[in-house]
C-alpha atoms as a PDB file:
ATOM      1  CA  MET A   1      -0.134 -24.768   9.097  1.00  0.00           C
ATOM      2  CA  ILE A   2       1.768 -22.108  10.829  1.00  0.00           C
ATOM      3  CA  SER A   3       2.486 -21.263  14.247  1.00  0.00           C
ATOM      4  CA  GLU A   4       0.897 -18.557  16.346  1.00  0.00           C
ATOM      5  CA  LYS A   5       4.060 -16.102  16.342  1.00  0.00           C
ATOM      6  CA  MET A   6       3.536 -16.450  12.738  1.00  0.00           C
ATOM      7  CA  SER A   7       0.197 -15.819  12.377  1.00  0.00           C
ATOM      8  CA  LYS A   8      -0.311 -13.302  15.239  1.00  0.00           C
ATOM      9  CA  ALA A   9       2.931 -11.059  13.024  1.00  0.00           C
ATOM     10  CA  LEU A  10       0.566 -11.740   9.704  1.00  0.00           C
ATOM     11  CA  ASN A  11      -2.390 -10.398  11.290  1.00  0.00           C
ATOM     12  CA  GLU A  12      -0.196  -6.951  12.503  1.00  0.00           C
ATOM     13  CA  GLN A  13       0.399  -6.776   9.176  1.00  0.00           C
ATOM     14  CA  ILE A  14      -3.205  -7.083   7.676  1.00  0.00           C
ATOM     15  CA  ASN A  15      -3.530  -4.212  10.200  1.00  0.00           C
ATOM     16  CA  LYS A  16      -0.388  -2.023   8.836  1.00  0.00           C
ATOM     17  CA  GLU A  17      -1.857  -2.451   5.202  1.00  0.00           C
ATOM     18  CA  MET A  18      -5.398  -1.329   5.960  1.00  0.00           C
ATOM     19  CA  TYR A  19      -3.124   1.354   7.312  1.00  0.00           C
ATOM     20  CA  SER A  20      -1.745   2.007   4.166  1.00  0.00           C
ATOM     21  CA  GLY A  21      -4.779   2.154   2.444  1.00  0.00           C
ATOM     22  CA  TYR A  22      -6.484   4.298   4.982  1.00  0.00           C
ATOM     23  CA  LEU A  23      -3.181   6.710   4.767  1.00  0.00           C
ATOM     24  CA  TYR A  24      -3.601   7.022   1.011  1.00  0.00           C
ATOM     25  CA  MET A  25      -7.187   7.359   1.659  1.00  0.00           C
ATOM     26  CA  ALA A  26      -6.944  10.556   3.917  1.00  0.00           C
ATOM     27  CA  MET A  27      -4.126  11.854   0.841  1.00  0.00           C
ATOM     28  CA  SER A  28      -6.666  11.660  -1.406  1.00  0.00           C
ATOM     29  CA  ALA A  29      -9.028  13.129   0.362  1.00  0.00           C
ATOM     30  CA  TRP A  30      -6.492  16.065   0.905  1.00  0.00           C
ATOM     31  CA  CYS A  31      -5.689  16.036  -3.144  1.00  0.00           C
ATOM     32  CA  ASN A  32      -9.110  16.443  -3.814  1.00  0.00           C
ATOM     33  CA  ASP A  33      -9.313  19.449  -1.545  1.00  0.00           C
ATOM     34  CA  GLN A  34      -6.356  21.177  -3.374  1.00  0.00           C
ATOM     35  CA  GLY A  35      -8.279  20.751  -6.774  1.00  0.00           C
ATOM     36  CA  LEU A  36      -5.668  18.074  -7.747  1.00  0.00           C
ATOM     37  CA  GLU A  37      -8.055  15.452  -8.969  1.00  0.00           C
ATOM     38  CA  GLY A  38      -5.760  13.357 -10.581  1.00  0.00           C
ATOM     39  CA  PHE A  39      -3.699  12.940  -7.412  1.00  0.00           C
ATOM     40  CA  ALA A  40      -6.577  12.496  -5.691  1.00  0.00           C
ATOM     41  CA  HIS A  41      -7.034   9.241  -8.266  1.00  0.00           C
ATOM     42  CA  TRP A  42      -3.883   7.748  -8.037  1.00  0.00           C
ATOM     43  CA  PHE A  43      -3.726   8.209  -4.134  1.00  0.00           C
ATOM     44  CA  MET A  44      -7.364   5.877  -4.420  1.00  0.00           C
ATOM     45  CA  VAL A  45      -5.536   3.446  -7.028  1.00  0.00           C
ATOM     46  CA  GLN A  46      -3.286   3.343  -4.137  1.00  0.00           C
ATOM     47  CA  TYR A  47      -5.888   2.759  -1.335  1.00  0.00           C
ATOM     48  CA  HIS A  48      -7.451  -0.424  -3.671  1.00  0.00           C
ATOM     49  CA  GLU A  49      -3.872  -1.480  -3.741  1.00  0.00           C
ATOM     50  CA  GLU A  50      -3.444  -1.664  -0.215  1.00  0.00           C
ATOM     51  CA  MET A  51      -6.620  -3.376   0.582  1.00  0.00           C
ATOM     52  CA  PHE A  52      -6.020  -6.238  -2.090  1.00  0.00           C
ATOM     53  CA  HIS A  53      -2.364  -6.733  -0.575  1.00  0.00           C
ATOM     54  CA  ALA A  54      -4.131  -7.020   3.332  1.00  0.00           C
ATOM     55  CA  MET A  55      -6.773  -9.046   1.970  1.00  0.00           C
ATOM     56  CA  LYS A  56      -4.321 -11.764   0.082  1.00  0.00           C
ATOM     57  CA  ILE A  57      -2.701 -11.821   3.685  1.00  0.00           C
ATOM     58  CA  TYR A  58      -5.993 -12.827   5.279  1.00  0.00           C
ATOM     59  CA  GLU A  59      -6.797 -15.145   2.995  1.00  0.00           C
ATOM     60  CA  TYR A  60      -3.444 -16.809   3.250  1.00  0.00           C
ATOM     61  CA  LEU A  61      -4.199 -17.170   7.171  1.00  0.00           C
ATOM     62  CA  PHE A  62      -7.068 -19.106   6.176  1.00  0.00           C
ATOM     63  CA  ASP A  63      -5.453 -21.041   3.946  1.00  0.00           C
ATOM     64  CA  GLN A  64      -3.059 -22.105   6.557  1.00  0.00           C
ATOM     65  CA  GLY A  65      -5.846 -23.128   9.407  1.00  0.00           C
ATOM     66  CA  SER A  66      -5.216 -19.715  11.050  1.00  0.00           C
ATOM     67  CA  LYS A  67      -8.152 -17.181  12.024  1.00  0.00           C
ATOM     68  CA  PRO A  68      -7.340 -13.533  11.252  1.00  0.00           C
ATOM     69  CA  VAL A  69      -7.505 -11.065  13.677  1.00  0.00           C
ATOM     70  CA  LEU A  70      -8.634  -7.761  12.686  1.00  0.00           C
ATOM     71  CA  LEU A  71      -7.025  -5.040  14.939  1.00  0.00           C
ATOM     72  CA  ALA A  72      -8.037  -0.975  15.276  1.00  0.00           C
ATOM     73  CA  ILE A  73      -6.537   0.907  12.467  1.00  0.00           C
ATOM     74  CA  ASP A  74      -4.818   3.995  13.556  1.00  0.00           C
ATOM     75  CA  LYS A  75      -6.139   7.544  12.671  1.00  0.00           C
ATOM     76  CA  PRO A  76      -4.187   8.939   9.666  1.00  0.00           C
ATOM     77  CA  GLN A  77      -2.779  12.127   9.247  1.00  0.00           C
ATOM     78  CA  GLU A  78      -5.024  14.103   6.822  1.00  0.00           C
ATOM     79  CA  ASN A  79      -3.028  17.704   6.271  1.00  0.00           C
ATOM     80  CA  TRP A  80       0.194  18.260   4.500  1.00  0.00           C
ATOM     81  CA  ASP A  81       1.752  21.347   3.345  1.00  0.00           C
ATOM     82  CA  SER A  82       2.168  20.248  -0.080  1.00  0.00           C
ATOM     83  CA  PRO A  83       1.585  17.712  -3.168  1.00  0.00           C
ATOM     84  CA  MET A  84       5.324  17.200  -2.666  1.00  0.00           C
ATOM     85  CA  ASP A  85       4.855  16.467   0.860  1.00  0.00           C
ATOM     86  CA  VAL A  86       2.535  13.729   0.442  1.00  0.00           C
ATOM     87  CA  LEU A  87       4.651  12.217  -2.252  1.00  0.00           C
ATOM     88  CA  LYS A  88       7.462  12.301   0.299  1.00  0.00           C
ATOM     89  CA  GLU A  89       5.591  11.091   2.687  1.00  0.00           C
ATOM     90  CA  THR A  90       3.969   8.116   0.592  1.00  0.00           C
ATOM     91  CA  LEU A  91       8.283   6.812   0.061  1.00  0.00           C
ATOM     92  CA  GLU A  92       8.844   6.921   3.746  1.00  0.00           C
ATOM     93  CA  HIS A  93       5.392   5.119   4.562  1.00  0.00           C
ATOM     94  CA  GLU A  94       6.795   2.340   1.645  1.00  0.00           C
ATOM     95  CA  LYS A  95      10.049   2.187   3.089  1.00  0.00           C
ATOM     96  CA  LYS A  96       8.472   1.160   6.635  1.00  0.00           C
ATOM     97  CA  VAL A  97       6.300  -0.970   4.773  1.00  0.00           C
ATOM     98  CA  THR A  98       9.342  -2.952   3.253  1.00  0.00           C
ATOM     99  CA  ALA A  99      10.778  -2.771   6.444  1.00  0.00           C
ATOM    100  CA  SER A 100       7.855  -4.698   8.045  1.00  0.00           C
ATOM    101  CA  ILE A 101       7.928  -7.637   4.870  1.00  0.00           C
ATOM    102  CA  HIS A 102      11.828  -8.122   5.608  1.00  0.00           C
ATOM    103  CA  SER A 103      10.532  -8.916   9.471  1.00  0.00           C
ATOM    104  CA  LEU A 104       7.952 -11.332   8.059  1.00  0.00           C
ATOM    105  CA  VAL A 105      10.745 -12.813   5.858  1.00  0.00           C
ATOM    106  CA  ALA A 106      13.199 -13.095   8.744  1.00  0.00           C
ATOM    107  CA  LEU A 107      10.457 -14.785  11.005  1.00  0.00           C
ATOM    108  CA  ALA A 108       9.723 -17.198   8.495  1.00  0.00           C
ATOM    109  CA  GLU A 109      13.310 -18.210   7.648  1.00  0.00           C
ATOM    110  CA  ASP A 110      14.171 -18.753  11.505  1.00  0.00           C
ATOM    111  CA  GLU A 111      10.496 -20.721  12.085  1.00  0.00           C
ATOM    112  CA  LYS A 112      11.527 -22.736   8.597  1.00  0.00           C
ATOM    113  CA  ASP A 113       8.159 -21.735   7.645  1.00  0.00           C
ATOM    114  CA  TYR A 114       8.725 -22.070   3.648  1.00  0.00           C
ATOM    115  CA  ALA A 115       5.396 -22.105   2.632  1.00  0.00           C
ATOM    116  CA  SER A 116       5.127 -18.425   4.014  1.00  0.00           C
ATOM    117  CA  ARG A 117       8.509 -17.753   3.067  1.00  0.00           C
ATOM    118  CA  ILE A 118       7.880 -18.281  -0.718  1.00  0.00           C
ATOM    119  CA  PHE A 119       4.294 -16.140   0.353  1.00  0.00           C
ATOM    120  CA  LEU A 120       6.079 -13.489   1.246  1.00  0.00           C
ATOM    121  CA  GLN A 121       8.407 -13.092  -1.987  1.00  0.00           C
ATOM    122  CA  TRP A 122       5.744 -11.702  -3.969  1.00  0.00           C
ATOM    123  CA  TYR A 123       5.176  -8.725  -1.098  1.00  0.00           C
ATOM    124  CA  VAL A 124       9.329  -7.901  -1.183  1.00  0.00           C
ATOM    125  CA  SER A 125       9.041  -8.023  -5.034  1.00  0.00           C
ATOM    126  CA  GLU A 126       5.631  -6.034  -4.607  1.00  0.00           C
ATOM    127  CA  GLN A 127       7.767  -3.323  -2.385  1.00  0.00           C
ATOM    128  CA  VAL A 128      10.493  -3.012  -4.780  1.00  0.00           C
ATOM    129  CA  GLU A 129       7.330  -1.304  -7.111  1.00  0.00           C
ATOM    130  CA  GLU A 130       5.976   0.647  -4.191  1.00  0.00           C
ATOM    131  CA  GLU A 131       9.046   2.041  -3.710  1.00  0.00           C
ATOM    132  CA  LYS A 132      10.182   2.951  -6.947  1.00  0.00           C
ATOM    133  CA  ASN A 133       6.775   4.249  -8.288  1.00  0.00           C
ATOM    134  CA  ALA A 134       6.938   7.335  -4.998  1.00  0.00           C
ATOM    135  CA  SER A 135      10.333   7.606  -6.240  1.00  0.00           C
ATOM    136  CA  ASP A 136       9.230   8.057  -9.400  1.00  0.00           C
ATOM    137  CA  MET A 137       6.506  10.864  -8.347  1.00  0.00           C
ATOM    138  CA  ILE A 138       8.744  12.787  -6.710  1.00  0.00           C
ATOM    139  CA  THR A 139      11.216  13.220  -9.570  1.00  0.00           C
ATOM    140  CA  ARG A 140       8.441  13.784 -11.738  1.00  0.00           C
ATOM    141  CA  MET A 141       7.623  16.610  -9.513  1.00  0.00           C
ATOM    142  CA  GLU A 142      10.738  18.174  -9.067  1.00  0.00           C
ATOM    143  CA  ILE A 143      11.771  18.059 -13.080  1.00  0.00           C
ATOM    144  CA  SER A 144       8.308  19.261 -14.623  1.00  0.00           C
ATOM    145  CA  ALA A 145       6.344  20.915 -11.625  1.00  0.00           C
ATOM    146  CA  GLY A 146       7.883  21.839  -8.869  1.00  0.00           C
ATOM    147  CA  ALA A 147       5.289  23.317  -5.887  1.00  0.00           C
ATOM    148  CA  LYS A 148       2.908  25.224  -8.316  1.00  0.00           C
ATOM    149  CA  GLY A 149       2.142  26.005 -11.387  1.00  0.00           C
ATOM    150  CA  PRO A 150       1.622  24.226 -15.167  1.00  0.00           C
ATOM    151  CA  GLY A 151       3.768  21.764 -14.610  1.00  0.00           C
ATOM    152  CA  LEU A 152       2.122  20.129 -11.708  1.00  0.00           C
ATOM    153  CA  TYR A 153      -1.421  20.478 -13.881  1.00  0.00           C
ATOM    154  CA  MET A 154       0.506  18.475 -16.212  1.00  0.00           C
ATOM    155  CA  VAL A 155       1.406  15.900 -13.927  1.00  0.00           C
ATOM    156  CA  ASP A 156      -1.959  16.134 -12.109  1.00  0.00           C
ATOM    157  CA  ARG A 157      -3.688  15.137 -15.326  1.00  0.00           C
ATOM    158  CA  GLU A 158      -1.537  12.489 -16.147  1.00  0.00           C
ATOM    159  CA  LEU A 159      -1.861  10.978 -12.558  1.00  0.00           C
ATOM    160  CA  LYS A 160      -5.616  10.788 -13.914  1.00  0.00           C
ATOM    161  CA  SER A 161      -4.829   7.999 -16.000  1.00  0.00           C
ATOM    162  CA  ARG A 162      -4.018   5.623 -14.043  1.00  0.00           C
ATOM    163  CA  ALA A 163      -6.510   2.354 -14.027  1.00  0.00           C
ATOM    164  CA  VAL A 164      -6.758  -0.011 -11.158  1.00  0.00           C
ATOM    165  CA  THR A 165      -4.934  -3.633 -12.364  1.00  0.00           C
ATOM    166  CA  ILE A 166      -5.766  -5.309  -9.168  1.00  0.00           C
ATOM    167  CA  PRO A 167      -9.391  -6.950  -7.753  1.00  0.00           C
ATOM    168  CA  THR A 168     -11.468  -4.240  -6.193  1.00  0.00           C
ATOM    169  CA  SER A 169     -13.789  -6.897  -4.799  1.00  0.00           C
ATOM    170  CA  PHE A 170     -13.089  -9.438  -2.165  1.00  0.00           C
ATOM    171  CA  VAL A 171     -16.395 -11.408  -2.172  1.00  0.00           C
ATOM    172  CA  GLY A 172     -14.930 -14.893  -2.938  1.00  0.00           C
ATOM    173  CA  PRO A 173     -10.942 -15.718  -3.541  1.00  0.00           C
ATOM    174  CA  LEU A 174      -8.971 -13.246  -4.936  1.00  0.00           C
ATOM    175  CA  GLY A 175      -8.932 -13.153  -8.525  1.00  0.00           C
ATOM    176  CA  ALA A 176     -12.597 -14.606  -9.291  1.00  0.00           C
ATOM    177  CA  GLU A 177     -14.440 -12.448 -11.809  1.00  0.00           C
ATOM    178  CA  ASP A 178     -15.997  -9.598 -10.634  1.00  0.00           C
END
């Protein structure tokens, strides 16, 4: 069992993860509208990952005898000036998510909630990967593409090959066959 305070904080994190998915869906839509199908695909994979992150917490709450409480999801930004702006926004957003995860870890430690602390370690590691991916994308754009030109086309084409590696069906336990 987890405390009411930890349950509330985890429910808020579900909302943040779902907002992240919503933001990445908006980024995907913007990229699609700009003719950047590879970027659009990359951000839809991000959307699926964020929903997976939310669902892991959702299931954890049930496992701990707590009921998930779904909150309203804020409307995300829907327009950017350039693909580079989208990538920079992605990195800044992931840094905010990392700070939120770190706050959850600190709460688990303060409450001596060792199960939640162990559960949250996956998210700590995941955020290292998320920030690195966003930073690498910015570097790739700076080196090969800039704001326009054939380099942008090459990066866009490369991003189209990203595969979804997490479950996309949330019927039944996560990790069960789709």
